[in-house]
Amino acid sequence: MTQTQTISLYQPLLHRIAYNLVRCKEDAEDIVQETFARWLSIDQKKIENTKAYLIKAVTNNCLNHLNSLKKKKEEYLDRHLPELLNKFKEINLSKIDLDINLTEAFKVLHVKLGPLERAVYLLKEVFDFNYDELCVALDKRKEHCRQLFCRAKKKLEDETSKIHFSLPDTTAMIKSFRDACDFGNASKFVQELKKNID
């Protein structure tokens, strides 16, 4: 059997195995492609059972990928979780449980701050964006971002009374925020924040 025939024959099986392990179509495709690339670079005559070799290789590559993601997530949380908790403590929302606190914090931010103020505040305070990065992410001038941040901070500091009205649903924003924290990539969160900016 030629190399092309082997790839055509086993690619669907390897993709199913990879997808079942990593649960992400794009990552599964990349892992299968990487597995075949490595297989093509070695002497196939030394392999007694090509199917078994490829299954084992793709499984190992998936496990390595998952371990790498886990390590990145742990490193990111170790670095940023204390900061995140402190930020929510500052607005008096971190006394019961992180899930409840995140929901309440986002509702308060949604009510107290305008969309652009909220975007600037969260990206600067939680994700440590500097003003140059804020300019690029939000397409605003540096001085404007600085003013928005100061205004947002003051509004939150002035928060002394409880909010006694119906708070908006911020589920999508919270999910995007959690993903940004989990995977260390704030780009989707930036897009979610920009949805409400005119």
Protein backbone atom coordinates (compact mmCIF):
# COMPACT_ATOMS: atom_id res chain seq x y z
CA MET A 1 0.00 0.00 0.00
CA THR A 2 1.34 3.47 -0.90
CA GLN A 3 1.71 6.28 1.64
CA THR A 4 -1.19 8.15 0.04
CA GLN A 5 -3.43 5.08 0.29
CA THR A 6 -2.42 4.58 3.92
CA ILE A 7 -3.28 8.18 4.77
CA SER A 8 -6.64 7.94 2.96
CA LEU A 9 -7.45 4.67 4.72
CA TYR A 10 -6.57 5.66 8.30
CA GLN A 11 -7.26 9.40 8.35
CA PRO A 12 -10.98 9.09 9.29
CA LEU A 13 -10.21 6.62 12.10
CA LEU A 14 -7.38 8.77 13.49
CA HIS A 15 -9.52 11.88 13.31
CA ARG A 16 -12.31 10.15 15.29
CA ILE A 17 -9.82 9.04 17.95
CA ALA A 18 -8.26 12.51 18.18
CA TYR A 19 -11.63 14.28 18.33
CA ASN A 20 -12.90 11.93 21.06
CA LEU A 21 -9.82 12.76 23.13
CA VAL A 22 -9.41 16.53 22.59
CA ARG A 23 -13.03 17.48 21.79
CA CYS A 24 -12.00 20.18 19.32
CA LYS A 25 -12.30 19.62 15.56
CA GLU A 26 -9.45 21.98 14.61
CA ASP A 27 -7.06 20.58 17.23
CA ALA A 28 -7.95 17.01 16.18
CA GLU A 29 -7.21 17.82 12.53
CA ASP A 30 -3.86 19.42 13.47
CA ILE A 31 -2.87 16.43 15.60
CA VAL A 32 -3.73 13.92 12.85
CA GLN A 33 -1.81 15.98 10.30
CA GLU A 34 1.18 16.18 12.65
CA THR A 35 0.99 12.40 13.25
CA PHE A 36 1.08 11.68 9.52
CA ALA A 37 3.91 14.20 8.99
CA ARG A 38 6.03 12.40 11.59
CA TRP A 39 5.11 9.01 10.15
CA LEU A 40 6.18 10.17 6.67
CA SER A 41 9.55 11.32 8.05
CA ILE A 42 10.57 7.90 9.41
CA ASP A 43 11.45 4.59 7.77
CA GLN A 44 8.08 2.81 7.47
CA LYS A 45 9.76 -0.54 6.73
CA LYS A 46 10.68 -0.76 10.42
CA ILE A 47 7.01 -0.56 11.44
CA GLU A 48 5.41 -4.00 11.76
CA ASN A 49 1.78 -2.81 12.10
CA THR A 50 1.11 0.60 10.53
CA LYS A 51 -2.45 0.89 11.86
CA ALA A 52 -1.40 0.14 15.45
CA TYR A 53 1.57 2.51 15.14
CA LEU A 54 -0.60 5.39 13.87
CA ILE A 55 -3.30 4.83 16.52
CA LYS A 56 -0.69 4.82 19.30
CA ALA A 57 1.06 7.89 17.81
CA VAL A 58 -2.13 9.93 17.49
CA THR A 59 -3.21 8.94 21.01
CA ASN A 60 0.15 10.00 22.45
CA ASN A 61 0.03 13.27 20.51
CA CYS A 62 -3.47 13.97 21.89
CA LEU A 63 -2.35 13.26 25.46
CA ASN A 64 0.66 15.54 25.01
CA HIS A 65 -1.62 18.25 23.63
CA LEU A 66 -4.04 17.92 26.58
CA ASN A 67 -1.18 17.99 29.09
CA SER A 68 0.19 21.10 27.43
CA LEU A 69 -3.22 22.82 27.59
CA LYS A 70 -3.62 21.82 31.24
CA LYS A 71 -0.18 23.19 32.08
CA LYS A 72 -0.89 26.48 30.27
CA LYS A 73 -4.21 26.82 32.07
CA GLU A 74 -2.63 26.14 35.46
CA GLU A 75 0.19 28.61 34.79
CA TYR A 76 -2.26 31.26 33.67
CA LEU A 77 -4.51 30.75 36.70
CA ASP A 78 -1.54 30.73 39.07
CA ARG A 79 -0.46 34.05 37.59
CA HIS A 80 -3.85 35.79 37.32
CA LEU A 81 -6.37 34.25 39.72
CA PRO A 82 -5.21 36.25 42.78
CA GLU A 83 -5.49 39.46 40.72
CA LEU A 84 -8.98 38.54 39.50
CA LEU A 85 -10.18 37.80 43.01
CA ASN A 86 -8.75 41.08 44.30
CA LYS A 87 -10.48 43.05 41.55
CA PHE A 88 -13.87 41.64 42.47
CA LYS A 89 -13.21 42.14 46.18
CA GLU A 90 -12.71 45.84 45.45
CA ILE A 91 -16.33 46.10 44.35
CA ASN A 92 -17.55 44.06 47.35
CA LEU A 93 -18.72 40.99 45.45
CA SER A 94 -16.40 38.16 46.53
CA LYS A 95 -17.80 36.93 49.82
CA ILE A 96 -19.86 33.90 48.84
CA ASP A 97 -18.71 31.95 45.79
CA LEU A 98 -16.66 32.79 42.68
CA ASP A 99 -19.45 31.80 40.25
CA ILE A 100 -22.01 33.94 42.04
CA ASN A 101 -19.49 36.75 42.42
CA LEU A 102 -18.60 36.75 38.73
CA THR A 103 -22.27 36.92 37.77
CA GLU A 104 -23.01 39.73 40.21
CA ALA A 105 -19.82 41.61 39.34
CA PHE A 106 -20.65 41.56 35.63
CA LYS A 107 -24.19 42.72 36.33
CA VAL A 108 -22.90 45.65 38.36
CA LEU A 109 -20.33 46.51 35.70
CA HIS A 110 -23.08 46.30 33.09
CA VAL A 111 -25.33 48.67 35.02
CA LYS A 112 -22.75 51.14 36.34
CA LEU A 113 -20.54 51.47 33.26
CA GLY A 114 -21.22 52.20 29.61
CA PRO A 115 -20.05 49.61 27.06
CA LEU A 116 -16.81 51.41 26.24
CA GLU A 117 -16.01 52.18 29.89
CA ARG A 118 -16.68 48.54 30.76
CA ALA A 119 -14.41 47.30 27.97
CA VAL A 120 -11.56 49.61 28.97
CA TYR A 121 -11.93 48.82 32.68
CA LEU A 122 -12.01 45.02 32.29
CA LEU A 123 -9.21 44.80 29.75
CA LYS A 124 -6.94 47.10 31.78
CA GLU A 125 -7.75 45.87 35.28
CA VAL A 126 -8.21 42.15 34.68
CA PHE A 127 -6.09 41.40 31.59
CA ASP A 128 -3.45 44.06 32.27
CA PHE A 129 -3.76 45.72 28.84
CA ASN A 130 -1.66 48.88 28.63
CA TYR A 131 -3.07 51.99 26.95
CA ASP A 132 -1.34 51.23 23.63
CA GLU A 133 -2.95 47.77 23.56
CA LEU A 134 -6.33 49.29 24.46
CA CYS A 135 -6.01 51.71 21.52
CA VAL A 136 -5.49 48.81 19.13
CA ALA A 137 -8.13 46.50 20.66
CA LEU A 138 -10.88 49.13 20.87
CA ASP A 139 -9.81 51.46 18.07
CA LYS A 140 -9.78 54.53 20.36
CA ARG A 141 -7.16 57.19 21.15
CA LYS A 142 -4.86 56.60 24.12
CA GLU A 143 -6.05 59.73 25.94
CA HIS A 144 -9.68 58.72 25.43
CA CYS A 145 -8.93 55.26 26.90
CA ARG A 146 -7.20 56.87 29.88
CA GLN A 147 -10.22 59.12 30.54
CA LEU A 148 -12.63 56.21 30.20
CA PHE A 149 -10.64 54.13 32.66
CA CYS A 150 -10.50 56.94 35.25
CA ARG A 151 -14.23 57.56 34.86
CA ALA A 152 -15.06 53.85 35.21
CA LYS A 153 -12.88 53.49 38.29
CA LYS A 154 -14.51 56.51 39.92
CA LYS A 155 -18.02 55.23 39.20
CA LEU A 156 -17.19 51.89 40.81
CA GLU A 157 -15.50 53.54 43.80
CA ASP A 158 -18.57 55.73 44.32
CA GLU A 159 -20.78 52.63 44.48
CA THR A 160 -22.17 52.75 48.00
CA SER A 161 -25.79 51.65 47.77
CA LYS A 162 -27.26 48.32 46.69
CA ILE A 163 -28.81 48.10 43.25
CA HIS A 164 -32.56 47.56 43.61
CA PHE A 165 -33.59 47.08 40.01
CA SER A 166 -33.61 44.31 37.46
CA LEU A 167 -30.08 43.52 36.33
CA PRO A 168 -29.30 42.56 32.72
CA ASP A 169 -28.40 39.05 31.54
CA THR A 170 -24.62 38.90 31.13
CA THR A 171 -24.29 35.15 30.50
CA ALA A 172 -22.53 35.46 27.11
CA MET A 173 -20.03 37.96 28.45
CA ILE A 174 -19.27 35.80 31.50
CA LYS A 175 -18.70 32.72 29.30
CA SER A 176 -16.35 34.72 27.08
CA PHE A 177 -14.57 36.06 30.16
CA ARG A 178 -14.16 32.55 31.59
CA ASP A 179 -12.79 31.26 28.27
CA ALA A 180 -10.29 34.11 28.22
CA CYS A 181 -9.16 33.18 31.73
CA ASP A 182 -9.11 29.43 31.00
CA PHE A 183 -7.16 29.58 27.75
CA GLY A 184 -5.16 32.79 28.18
CA ASN A 185 -6.52 34.40 25.02
CA ALA A 186 -8.54 37.58 25.40
CA SER A 187 -9.32 38.13 21.70
CA LYS A 188 -12.85 36.60 21.83
CA PHE A 189 -13.55 38.49 25.03
CA VAL A 190 -12.51 41.74 23.29
CA GLN A 191 -15.00 40.94 20.50
CA GLU A 192 -17.77 40.28 23.06
CA LEU A 193 -17.02 43.60 24.76
CA LYS A 194 -17.05 45.45 21.42
CA LYS A 195 -20.53 44.12 20.51
CA ASN A 196 -22.18 46.72 22.76
CA ILE A 197 -19.98 49.65 21.74
CA ASP A 198 -21.55 51.95 19.18
